[in-house]
Amino acid sequence: LKDERYYYIVDPAGPGIEVLASNSVAGSDKIYPSVFIIKNPKARIAAIALGHDGESHNIPNYQMLLRNAVRWVARK
C-alpha cells in the first residue's frame, strides 16, 4: 500500500491499544501504529491510519481490511 504516513502517538493515560500493524520512518527507530484496536471497556473501536490516497481504496486487501474492521466493530 503506497500511502502517506499518519502518526498515532499512544496516550499513556488513555485506555491502551492493541497494535495489529505498524510502520516506521527510514533512519528512525520509532515505530508507529497503523492499524490498531483501542481498548475501551464500553465500545469496540478499530483505528486505521491508512487509505488517505484514493487509490488505496481500489486495492482488494485494503478493502478486506475495511470490511473486517466494520464486521468486528459491529460484532458480526
N, C-alpha and C. Protein backbone atom coordinates (compact mmCIF):
# COMPACT_ATOMS: atom_id res chain seq x y z
N LEU A 1 0.85 -1.17 0.00
CA LEU A 1 0.00 0.00 0.00
C LEU A 1 0.89 1.23 0.00
N LYS A 2 0.77 2.05 -1.01
CA LYS A 2 1.53 3.29 -1.08
C LYS A 2 0.63 4.39 -0.52
N ASP A 3 1.05 5.00 0.55
CA ASP A 3 0.19 5.96 1.24
C ASP A 3 1.06 6.92 2.03
N GLU A 4 0.52 8.08 2.34
CA GLU A 4 1.26 8.97 3.23
C GLU A 4 1.14 8.45 4.65
N ARG A 5 2.15 8.71 5.45
CA ARG A 5 2.16 8.23 6.83
C ARG A 5 1.43 9.18 7.75
N TYR A 6 0.58 8.62 8.56
CA TYR A 6 -0.04 9.37 9.64
C TYR A 6 0.44 8.72 10.93
N TYR A 7 0.77 9.53 11.90
CA TYR A 7 1.33 9.01 13.14
C TYR A 7 0.30 9.09 14.26
N TYR A 8 0.15 8.01 14.95
CA TYR A 8 -0.68 7.98 16.14
C TYR A 8 0.25 7.74 17.31
N ILE A 9 0.28 8.67 18.23
CA ILE A 9 1.12 8.53 19.41
C ILE A 9 0.21 8.14 20.57
N VAL A 10 0.51 7.03 21.19
CA VAL A 10 -0.33 6.49 22.25
C VAL A 10 -0.32 7.41 23.47
N ASP A 11 -1.50 7.69 23.98
CA ASP A 11 -1.65 8.49 25.20
C ASP A 11 -1.42 7.56 26.39
N PRO A 12 -0.35 7.76 27.16
CA PRO A 12 -0.09 6.87 28.29
C PRO A 12 -1.20 6.87 29.33
N ALA A 13 -2.01 7.93 29.39
CA ALA A 13 -3.12 7.98 30.34
C ALA A 13 -4.41 7.41 29.74
N GLY A 14 -4.37 7.04 28.46
CA GLY A 14 -5.56 6.52 27.78
C GLY A 14 -5.79 5.05 28.08
N PRO A 15 -6.80 4.47 27.43
CA PRO A 15 -7.18 3.08 27.72
C PRO A 15 -6.22 2.03 27.16
N GLY A 16 -5.28 2.44 26.36
CA GLY A 16 -4.34 1.50 25.76
C GLY A 16 -4.83 1.00 24.41
N ILE A 17 -3.91 0.43 23.65
CA ILE A 17 -4.26 -0.09 22.33
C ILE A 17 -3.62 -1.45 22.12
N GLU A 18 -4.17 -2.18 21.16
CA GLU A 18 -3.57 -3.43 20.69
C GLU A 18 -3.19 -3.19 19.23
N VAL A 19 -1.90 -3.18 18.94
CA VAL A 19 -1.40 -2.88 17.60
C VAL A 19 -1.51 -4.12 16.73
N LEU A 20 -2.13 -3.95 15.55
CA LEU A 20 -2.27 -5.04 14.59
C LEU A 20 -1.31 -4.89 13.42
N ALA A 21 -0.92 -3.64 13.10
CA ALA A 21 0.07 -3.36 12.06
C ALA A 21 0.73 -2.03 12.40
N SER A 22 1.99 -1.88 12.01
CA SER A 22 2.72 -0.66 12.34
C SER A 22 3.60 -0.23 11.18
N ASN A 23 4.19 0.96 11.30
CA ASN A 23 5.12 1.46 10.29
C ASN A 23 6.24 2.21 10.98
N SER A 24 7.30 2.46 10.23
CA SER A 24 8.43 3.20 10.77
C SER A 24 8.93 4.17 9.70
N VAL A 25 9.78 5.07 10.11
CA VAL A 25 10.38 6.05 9.21
C VAL A 25 11.83 5.66 9.00
N ALA A 26 12.29 5.69 7.76
CA ALA A 26 13.68 5.36 7.47
C ALA A 26 14.61 6.24 8.30
N GLY A 27 15.60 5.62 8.92
CA GLY A 27 16.56 6.35 9.72
C GLY A 27 16.13 6.59 11.16
N SER A 28 14.99 6.06 11.54
CA SER A 28 14.49 6.24 12.90
C SER A 28 14.17 4.88 13.51
N ASP A 29 14.32 4.77 14.82
CA ASP A 29 13.98 3.51 15.48
C ASP A 29 12.55 3.54 16.05
N LYS A 30 11.83 4.63 15.82
CA LYS A 30 10.46 4.73 16.32
C LYS A 30 9.51 3.94 15.43
N ILE A 31 8.57 3.27 16.06
CA ILE A 31 7.55 2.51 15.36
C ILE A 31 6.19 3.09 15.73
N TYR A 32 5.36 3.32 14.72
CA TYR A 32 4.05 3.93 14.92
C TYR A 32 2.95 2.95 14.53
N PRO A 33 1.87 2.88 15.30
CA PRO A 33 0.75 2.01 14.95
C PRO A 33 0.04 2.51 13.68
N SER A 34 -0.31 1.59 12.79
CA SER A 34 -1.07 1.93 11.58
C SER A 34 -2.48 1.38 11.63
N VAL A 35 -2.61 0.18 12.19
CA VAL A 35 -3.91 -0.47 12.37
C VAL A 35 -3.93 -0.97 13.81
N PHE A 36 -4.95 -0.55 14.57
CA PHE A 36 -4.95 -0.93 15.98
C PHE A 36 -6.36 -0.89 16.56
N ILE A 37 -6.49 -1.50 17.70
CA ILE A 37 -7.75 -1.53 18.45
C ILE A 37 -7.55 -0.71 19.71
N ILE A 38 -8.48 0.20 19.98
CA ILE A 38 -8.44 0.97 21.22
C ILE A 38 -9.21 0.18 22.27
N LYS A 39 -8.57 -0.10 23.39
CA LYS A 39 -9.16 -0.94 24.44
C LYS A 39 -10.11 -0.12 25.30
N ASN A 40 -11.32 0.04 24.80
CA ASN A 40 -12.35 0.77 25.52
C ASN A 40 -13.32 -0.25 26.11
N PRO A 41 -13.60 -0.19 27.41
CA PRO A 41 -14.47 -1.20 28.02
C PRO A 41 -15.93 -1.12 27.59
N LYS A 42 -16.34 0.00 26.99
CA LYS A 42 -17.74 0.17 26.62
C LYS A 42 -18.00 0.11 25.12
N ALA A 43 -16.95 0.02 24.31
CA ALA A 43 -17.16 0.05 22.86
C ALA A 43 -16.03 -0.68 22.15
N ARG A 44 -16.31 -1.15 20.95
CA ARG A 44 -15.27 -1.71 20.09
C ARG A 44 -14.83 -0.59 19.15
N ILE A 45 -13.55 -0.27 19.20
CA ILE A 45 -13.02 0.81 18.38
C ILE A 45 -11.83 0.29 17.58
N ALA A 46 -11.96 0.30 16.26
CA ALA A 46 -10.87 -0.08 15.37
C ALA A 46 -10.37 1.20 14.69
N ALA A 47 -9.06 1.36 14.64
CA ALA A 47 -8.48 2.55 14.03
C ALA A 47 -7.57 2.13 12.88
N ILE A 48 -7.73 2.80 11.75
CA ILE A 48 -6.92 2.51 10.57
C ILE A 48 -6.36 3.84 10.08
N ALA A 49 -5.05 4.01 10.21
CA ALA A 49 -4.40 5.25 9.80
C ALA A 49 -3.83 5.11 8.39
N LEU A 50 -4.56 4.44 7.53
CA LEU A 50 -4.17 4.23 6.14
C LEU A 50 -5.32 4.66 5.24
N GLY A 51 -5.07 4.73 3.94
CA GLY A 51 -6.14 4.98 2.99
C GLY A 51 -6.38 6.43 2.66
N HIS A 52 -5.38 7.28 2.83
CA HIS A 52 -5.56 8.69 2.54
C HIS A 52 -5.40 8.98 1.05
N ASP A 53 -4.79 8.06 0.32
CA ASP A 53 -4.68 8.15 -1.13
C ASP A 53 -5.89 7.40 -1.70
N GLY A 54 -6.66 8.03 -2.54
CA GLY A 54 -7.85 7.40 -3.09
C GLY A 54 -7.59 6.06 -3.76
N GLU A 55 -6.40 5.88 -4.32
CA GLU A 55 -6.07 4.62 -4.99
C GLU A 55 -6.02 3.45 -4.01
N SER A 56 -5.77 3.72 -2.75
CA SER A 56 -5.75 2.66 -1.73
C SER A 56 -7.07 1.90 -1.71
N HIS A 57 -8.15 2.61 -1.95
CA HIS A 57 -9.49 2.01 -1.86
C HIS A 57 -9.78 1.05 -3.01
N ASN A 58 -8.91 1.01 -4.01
CA ASN A 58 -9.07 0.06 -5.12
C ASN A 58 -8.30 -1.23 -4.89
N ILE A 59 -7.54 -1.32 -3.82
CA ILE A 59 -6.72 -2.50 -3.54
C ILE A 59 -7.56 -3.51 -2.76
N PRO A 60 -7.72 -4.73 -3.29
CA PRO A 60 -8.56 -5.73 -2.63
C PRO A 60 -8.19 -6.00 -1.17
N ASN A 61 -6.91 -6.05 -0.84
CA ASN A 61 -6.52 -6.32 0.56
C ASN A 61 -6.92 -5.16 1.48
N TYR A 62 -6.86 -3.95 0.98
CA TYR A 62 -7.29 -2.80 1.79
C TYR A 62 -8.81 -2.85 1.98
N GLN A 63 -9.54 -3.19 0.93
CA GLN A 63 -10.99 -3.32 1.03
C GLN A 63 -11.36 -4.39 2.05
N MET A 64 -10.61 -5.50 2.06
CA MET A 64 -10.86 -6.57 3.02
C MET A 64 -10.58 -6.08 4.45
N LEU A 65 -9.51 -5.31 4.63
CA LEU A 65 -9.20 -4.75 5.95
C LEU A 65 -10.36 -3.89 6.46
N LEU A 66 -10.89 -3.04 5.60
CA LEU A 66 -12.03 -2.20 6.00
C LEU A 66 -13.26 -3.03 6.33
N ARG A 67 -13.58 -4.01 5.48
CA ARG A 67 -14.75 -4.87 5.74
C ARG A 67 -14.60 -5.61 7.06
N ASN A 68 -13.42 -6.17 7.29
CA ASN A 68 -13.19 -6.92 8.53
C ASN A 68 -13.29 -6.01 9.76
N ALA A 69 -12.78 -4.79 9.65
CA ALA A 69 -12.87 -3.85 10.78
C ALA A 69 -14.32 -3.51 11.08
N VAL A 70 -15.11 -3.27 10.05
CA VAL A 70 -16.53 -2.94 10.25
C VAL A 70 -17.26 -4.13 10.87
N ARG A 71 -16.98 -5.33 10.38
CA ARG A 71 -17.62 -6.52 10.95
C ARG A 71 -17.25 -6.70 12.42
N TRP A 72 -15.98 -6.49 12.75
CA TRP A 72 -15.54 -6.66 14.13
C TRP A 72 -16.22 -5.63 15.04
N VAL A 73 -16.24 -4.37 14.60
CA VAL A 73 -16.87 -3.31 15.40
C VAL A 73 -18.36 -3.60 15.58
N ALA A 74 -19.01 -4.11 14.52
CA ALA A 74 -20.45 -4.39 14.56
C ALA A 74 -20.76 -5.74 15.21
N ARG A 75 -19.72 -6.46 15.61
CA ARG A 75 -19.86 -7.79 16.22
C ARG A 75 -20.59 -8.76 15.30
N LYS A 76 -20.27 -8.72 14.02
CA LYS A 76 -20.88 -9.62 13.03
C LYS A 76 -19.96 -10.78 12.73
